[in-house]
Amino acid sequence: MNEARTAAVQPAPATGAGGAFALPAEVTFAHARAVLERALPALAGEGLAFDLSACMHFDSSLIGVLLELSRRASASGRRCEFVGASPNLRKLCGLYGVESLLFGAPADTRTAP
């Protein structure tokens, strides 16, 4: 794996006042396991917030990572908070039917006329 590709997978350090764990810019099938392994220690922390604002190049593997983080938190009686998701990520989660599971109410809650 080249240096540029490795850097894209490395999560940024915790950011923000809440200390949210920042996921990397790229989360694809090739990197999902490494991203999950780097994010798992954050489940032992006080808050279970994960910052997704840097995630710009992703596939459905990112959803798998988020679901696994959520599942492991739930197994210990806790709940993850995923913040900063792009509209494209929320749309992909909606297509897979997991948007409300990961983010609460869907971003677009308009009712049809």
N, C-alpha and C. Protein backbone atom coordinates (compact mmCIF):
# COMPACT_ATOMS: atom_id res chain seq x y z
N MET A 1 0.86 -1.17 0.00
CA MET A 1 0.00 0.00 0.00
C MET A 1 0.90 1.23 0.00
N ASN A 2 0.63 2.20 -0.88
CA ASN A 2 1.51 3.37 -0.93
C ASN A 2 1.19 4.35 0.19
N GLU A 3 2.11 5.30 0.41
CA GLU A 3 1.96 6.24 1.53
C GLU A 3 0.70 7.08 1.44
N ALA A 4 0.39 7.57 0.23
CA ALA A 4 -0.80 8.41 0.06
C ALA A 4 -2.06 7.62 0.40
N ARG A 5 -2.13 6.38 -0.05
CA ARG A 5 -3.30 5.56 0.22
C ARG A 5 -3.40 5.24 1.71
N THR A 6 -2.27 4.97 2.36
CA THR A 6 -2.25 4.69 3.79
C THR A 6 -2.72 5.89 4.58
N ALA A 7 -2.30 7.09 4.17
CA ALA A 7 -2.70 8.31 4.87
C ALA A 7 -4.20 8.52 4.78
N ALA A 8 -4.81 8.15 3.64
CA ALA A 8 -6.25 8.33 3.48
C ALA A 8 -7.03 7.44 4.42
N VAL A 9 -6.46 6.31 4.81
CA VAL A 9 -7.15 5.37 5.68
C VAL A 9 -6.98 5.72 7.14
N GLN A 10 -5.92 6.41 7.47
CA GLN A 10 -5.65 6.76 8.87
C GLN A 10 -6.71 7.74 9.37
N PRO A 11 -7.42 7.41 10.44
CA PRO A 11 -8.39 8.35 10.97
C PRO A 11 -7.67 9.53 11.60
N ALA A 12 -8.30 10.66 11.51
CA ALA A 12 -7.77 11.85 12.16
C ALA A 12 -7.92 11.68 13.66
N PRO A 13 -7.13 12.42 14.44
CA PRO A 13 -7.31 12.33 15.88
C PRO A 13 -8.69 12.83 16.30
N ALA A 14 -9.07 12.51 17.51
CA ALA A 14 -10.36 12.97 18.03
C ALA A 14 -10.46 14.48 17.85
N THR A 15 -11.63 14.95 17.45
CA THR A 15 -11.81 16.37 17.20
C THR A 15 -13.04 16.89 17.93
N GLY A 16 -13.15 18.19 18.00
CA GLY A 16 -14.32 18.81 18.56
C GLY A 16 -14.38 18.73 20.07
N ALA A 17 -15.26 19.51 20.63
CA ALA A 17 -15.41 19.58 22.08
C ALA A 17 -15.86 18.25 22.66
N GLY A 18 -16.65 17.52 21.91
CA GLY A 18 -17.15 16.25 22.41
C GLY A 18 -16.17 15.11 22.26
N GLY A 19 -15.03 15.37 21.62
CA GLY A 19 -14.03 14.34 21.43
C GLY A 19 -14.47 13.24 20.48
N ALA A 20 -15.24 13.57 19.45
CA ALA A 20 -15.70 12.57 18.50
C ALA A 20 -14.51 11.96 17.75
N PHE A 21 -14.55 10.66 17.55
CA PHE A 21 -13.52 9.96 16.79
C PHE A 21 -13.79 10.22 15.31
N ALA A 22 -12.80 10.76 14.60
CA ALA A 22 -12.96 11.10 13.20
C ALA A 22 -12.58 9.93 12.31
N LEU A 23 -13.53 9.48 11.49
CA LEU A 23 -13.23 8.45 10.51
C LEU A 23 -12.52 9.09 9.33
N PRO A 24 -11.73 8.30 8.57
CA PRO A 24 -10.92 8.86 7.49
C PRO A 24 -11.73 9.26 6.26
N ALA A 25 -11.06 9.91 5.34
CA ALA A 25 -11.69 10.38 4.11
C ALA A 25 -12.13 9.22 3.22
N GLU A 26 -11.41 8.11 3.24
CA GLU A 26 -11.71 6.99 2.37
C GLU A 26 -12.03 5.75 3.20
N VAL A 27 -13.22 5.21 2.96
CA VAL A 27 -13.61 3.96 3.58
C VAL A 27 -14.27 3.11 2.50
N THR A 28 -13.48 2.19 1.96
CA THR A 28 -13.97 1.28 0.93
C THR A 28 -13.70 -0.14 1.40
N PHE A 29 -14.13 -1.08 0.60
CA PHE A 29 -13.96 -2.48 0.95
C PHE A 29 -12.51 -2.81 1.30
N ALA A 30 -11.59 -2.23 0.55
CA ALA A 30 -10.16 -2.50 0.77
C ALA A 30 -9.66 -2.01 2.12
N HIS A 31 -10.35 -1.01 2.70
CA HIS A 31 -9.88 -0.38 3.93
C HIS A 31 -10.80 -0.59 5.13
N ALA A 32 -11.96 -1.16 4.92
CA ALA A 32 -12.98 -1.20 5.97
C ALA A 32 -12.51 -1.89 7.24
N ARG A 33 -11.83 -3.02 7.10
CA ARG A 33 -11.38 -3.75 8.30
C ARG A 33 -10.40 -2.90 9.11
N ALA A 34 -9.46 -2.23 8.44
CA ALA A 34 -8.48 -1.40 9.13
C ALA A 34 -9.16 -0.21 9.81
N VAL A 35 -10.14 0.38 9.14
CA VAL A 35 -10.87 1.51 9.72
C VAL A 35 -11.63 1.05 10.96
N LEU A 36 -12.29 -0.09 10.87
CA LEU A 36 -13.02 -0.62 12.03
C LEU A 36 -12.08 -0.88 13.19
N GLU A 37 -10.95 -1.51 12.91
CA GLU A 37 -10.00 -1.82 13.98
C GLU A 37 -9.47 -0.56 14.66
N ARG A 38 -9.29 0.52 13.90
CA ARG A 38 -8.81 1.77 14.49
C ARG A 38 -9.92 2.48 15.26
N ALA A 39 -11.17 2.25 14.88
CA ALA A 39 -12.29 2.92 15.55
C ALA A 39 -12.76 2.19 16.80
N LEU A 40 -12.54 0.89 16.88
CA LEU A 40 -13.05 0.11 18.01
C LEU A 40 -12.61 0.63 19.38
N PRO A 41 -11.35 1.05 19.56
CA PRO A 41 -10.98 1.55 20.88
C PRO A 41 -11.81 2.76 21.34
N ALA A 42 -12.37 3.49 20.41
CA ALA A 42 -13.20 4.63 20.77
C ALA A 42 -14.47 4.19 21.51
N LEU A 43 -14.86 2.93 21.34
CA LEU A 43 -16.05 2.43 22.05
C LEU A 43 -15.82 2.34 23.55
N ALA A 44 -14.58 2.33 23.97
CA ALA A 44 -14.28 2.24 25.40
C ALA A 44 -14.31 3.61 26.07
N GLY A 45 -14.42 4.66 25.28
CA GLY A 45 -14.41 6.02 25.82
C GLY A 45 -15.72 6.41 26.45
N GLU A 46 -15.73 7.62 26.99
CA GLU A 46 -16.93 8.17 27.64
C GLU A 46 -18.07 8.35 26.64
N GLY A 47 -17.81 9.13 25.60
CA GLY A 47 -18.83 9.37 24.59
C GLY A 47 -18.61 8.46 23.41
N LEU A 48 -19.64 8.10 22.75
CA LEU A 48 -19.52 7.22 21.60
C LEU A 48 -19.86 7.97 20.32
N ALA A 49 -19.21 9.10 20.13
CA ALA A 49 -19.47 9.92 18.95
C ALA A 49 -18.41 9.65 17.89
N PHE A 50 -18.87 9.51 16.66
CA PHE A 50 -18.00 9.28 15.52
C PHE A 50 -18.28 10.36 14.49
N ASP A 51 -17.23 11.08 14.10
CA ASP A 51 -17.33 12.17 13.14
C ASP A 51 -17.12 11.63 11.74
N LEU A 52 -18.13 11.77 10.90
CA LEU A 52 -18.08 11.26 9.54
C LEU A 52 -17.85 12.35 8.50
N SER A 53 -17.58 13.56 8.95
CA SER A 53 -17.49 14.70 8.02
C SER A 53 -16.35 14.58 7.01
N ALA A 54 -15.31 13.84 7.32
CA ALA A 54 -14.20 13.68 6.37
C ALA A 54 -14.47 12.58 5.35
N CYS A 55 -15.46 11.73 5.59
CA CYS A 55 -15.73 10.58 4.72
C CYS A 55 -16.31 11.06 3.38
N MET A 56 -15.45 11.15 2.39
CA MET A 56 -15.89 11.63 1.08
C MET A 56 -15.79 10.56 0.00
N HIS A 57 -14.94 9.57 0.18
CA HIS A 57 -14.80 8.49 -0.80
C HIS A 57 -15.13 7.19 -0.06
N PHE A 58 -16.32 6.67 -0.33
CA PHE A 58 -16.77 5.49 0.42
C PHE A 58 -17.66 4.63 -0.45
N ASP A 59 -17.83 3.42 -0.02
CA ASP A 59 -18.81 2.52 -0.62
C ASP A 59 -19.65 1.94 0.52
N SER A 60 -20.42 0.92 0.23
CA SER A 60 -21.30 0.36 1.26
C SER A 60 -20.53 -0.25 2.43
N SER A 61 -19.23 -0.43 2.29
CA SER A 61 -18.42 -0.94 3.40
C SER A 61 -18.46 0.02 4.58
N LEU A 62 -18.57 1.31 4.32
CA LEU A 62 -18.67 2.27 5.42
C LEU A 62 -19.92 1.99 6.25
N ILE A 63 -21.00 1.66 5.59
CA ILE A 63 -22.22 1.33 6.32
C ILE A 63 -21.98 0.11 7.21
N GLY A 64 -21.26 -0.87 6.70
CA GLY A 64 -20.93 -2.05 7.49
C GLY A 64 -20.12 -1.70 8.72
N VAL A 65 -19.17 -0.78 8.56
CA VAL A 65 -18.35 -0.33 9.70
C VAL A 65 -19.25 0.35 10.74
N LEU A 66 -20.12 1.24 10.29
CA LEU A 66 -21.00 1.96 11.21
C LEU A 66 -21.95 1.00 11.93
N LEU A 67 -22.49 0.05 11.19
CA LEU A 67 -23.39 -0.92 11.82
C LEU A 67 -22.66 -1.78 12.84
N GLU A 68 -21.42 -2.16 12.55
CA GLU A 68 -20.67 -2.97 13.51
C GLU A 68 -20.34 -2.16 14.76
N LEU A 69 -19.96 -0.89 14.59
CA LEU A 69 -19.71 -0.04 15.76
C LEU A 69 -20.98 0.08 16.60
N SER A 70 -22.10 0.30 15.92
CA SER A 70 -23.38 0.42 16.62
C SER A 70 -23.75 -0.88 17.33
N ARG A 71 -23.53 -2.01 16.67
CA ARG A 71 -23.85 -3.31 17.26
C ARG A 71 -23.02 -3.57 18.52
N ARG A 72 -21.73 -3.26 18.43
CA ARG A 72 -20.86 -3.50 19.59
C ARG A 72 -21.20 -2.57 20.74
N ALA A 73 -21.55 -1.34 20.44
CA ALA A 73 -21.96 -0.42 21.50
C ALA A 73 -23.25 -0.91 22.15
N SER A 74 -24.19 -1.33 21.32
CA SER A 74 -25.47 -1.82 21.82
C SER A 74 -25.30 -3.04 22.71
N ALA A 75 -24.35 -3.91 22.37
CA ALA A 75 -24.09 -5.12 23.17
C ALA A 75 -23.64 -4.77 24.58
N SER A 76 -23.07 -3.57 24.75
CA SER A 76 -22.66 -3.14 26.09
C SER A 76 -23.65 -2.13 26.68
N GLY A 77 -24.85 -2.07 26.09
CA GLY A 77 -25.89 -1.19 26.62
C GLY A 77 -25.70 0.28 26.31
N ARG A 78 -24.94 0.58 25.29
CA ARG A 78 -24.67 1.97 24.92
C ARG A 78 -25.13 2.22 23.49
N ARG A 79 -25.06 3.48 23.06
CA ARG A 79 -25.50 3.86 21.72
C ARG A 79 -24.48 4.79 21.09
N CYS A 80 -24.15 4.53 19.84
CA CYS A 80 -23.23 5.39 19.08
C CYS A 80 -23.98 6.59 18.53
N GLU A 81 -23.25 7.67 18.38
CA GLU A 81 -23.77 8.84 17.70
C GLU A 81 -22.86 9.09 16.51
N PHE A 82 -23.46 9.14 15.32
CA PHE A 82 -22.70 9.40 14.10
C PHE A 82 -23.05 10.80 13.63
N VAL A 83 -22.06 11.67 13.57
CA VAL A 83 -22.28 13.08 13.23
C VAL A 83 -21.51 13.44 11.97
N GLY A 84 -21.98 14.47 11.28
CA GLY A 84 -21.27 14.99 10.12
C GLY A 84 -21.42 14.18 8.85
N ALA A 85 -22.43 13.32 8.78
CA ALA A 85 -22.61 12.51 7.58
C ALA A 85 -23.03 13.38 6.40
N SER A 86 -22.43 13.13 5.26
CA SER A 86 -22.78 13.88 4.05
C SER A 86 -24.16 13.44 3.56
N PRO A 87 -24.79 14.28 2.75
CA PRO A 87 -26.08 13.88 2.17
C PRO A 87 -25.97 12.58 1.36
N ASN A 88 -24.84 12.39 0.68
CA ASN A 88 -24.66 11.15 -0.10
C ASN A 88 -24.59 9.93 0.80
N LEU A 89 -23.93 10.04 1.93
CA LEU A 89 -23.87 8.92 2.86
C LEU A 89 -25.25 8.63 3.43
N ARG A 90 -25.97 9.68 3.80
CA ARG A 90 -27.32 9.47 4.33
C ARG A 90 -28.23 8.84 3.28
N LYS A 91 -28.06 9.25 2.03
CA LYS A 91 -28.87 8.69 0.95
C LYS A 91 -28.55 7.21 0.76
N LEU A 92 -27.26 6.85 0.79
CA LEU A 92 -26.87 5.44 0.67
C LEU A 92 -27.43 4.63 1.83
N CYS A 93 -27.37 5.18 3.02
CA CYS A 93 -27.95 4.49 4.19
C CYS A 93 -29.44 4.32 4.01
N GLY A 94 -30.10 5.32 3.43
CA GLY A 94 -31.53 5.22 3.17
C GLY A 94 -31.84 4.11 2.17
N LEU A 95 -31.00 3.99 1.14
CA LEU A 95 -31.21 2.94 0.14
C LEU A 95 -31.08 1.55 0.77
N TYR A 96 -30.22 1.43 1.76
CA TYR A 96 -30.04 0.15 2.45
C TYR A 96 -31.02 -0.02 3.61
N GLY A 97 -31.83 1.00 3.87
CA GLY A 97 -32.84 0.91 4.92
C GLY A 97 -32.31 1.04 6.34
N VAL A 98 -31.14 1.67 6.50
CA VAL A 98 -30.55 1.77 7.84
C VAL A 98 -30.34 3.21 8.30
N GLU A 99 -30.84 4.18 7.55
CA GLU A 99 -30.62 5.58 7.92
C GLU A 99 -31.17 5.89 9.31
N SER A 100 -32.39 5.49 9.59
CA SER A 100 -32.96 5.79 10.90
C SER A 100 -32.26 5.02 12.01
N LEU A 101 -31.76 3.83 11.71
CA LEU A 101 -31.03 3.04 12.69
C LEU A 101 -29.73 3.74 13.09
N LEU A 102 -29.04 4.32 12.12
CA LEU A 102 -27.75 4.96 12.39
C LEU A 102 -27.87 6.42 12.80
N PHE A 103 -28.83 7.14 12.24
CA PHE A 103 -28.89 8.59 12.45
C PHE A 103 -30.17 9.08 13.08
N GLY A 104 -31.08 8.22 13.45
CA GLY A 104 -32.36 8.67 13.96
C GLY A 104 -33.31 8.89 12.80
N ALA A 105 -34.12 9.92 12.88
CA ALA A 105 -35.10 10.20 11.82
C ALA A 105 -34.39 10.51 10.51
N PRO A 106 -34.96 10.09 9.39
CA PRO A 106 -34.36 10.41 8.09
C PRO A 106 -34.20 11.92 7.90
N ALA A 107 -33.19 12.30 7.14
CA ALA A 107 -32.90 13.72 6.90
C ALA A 107 -34.07 14.41 6.23
N ASP A 108 -34.76 13.75 5.32
CA ASP A 108 -35.88 14.33 4.61
C ASP A 108 -37.15 13.71 5.13
N THR A 109 -37.85 14.44 6.01
CA THR A 109 -39.07 13.90 6.62
C THR A 109 -40.34 14.55 6.05
N ARG A 110 -40.21 15.16 4.85
CA ARG A 110 -41.38 15.78 4.24
C ARG A 110 -42.41 14.71 3.90
N THR A 111 -43.64 15.08 3.99
CA THR A 111 -44.72 14.15 3.62
C THR A 111 -45.18 14.47 2.22
N ALA A 112 -45.66 13.48 1.52
CA ALA A 112 -46.17 13.69 0.17
C ALA A 112 -47.47 14.46 0.24
N PRO A 113 -47.75 15.29 -0.77
CA PRO A 113 -49.01 16.08 -0.75
C PRO A 113 -50.23 15.21 -0.89
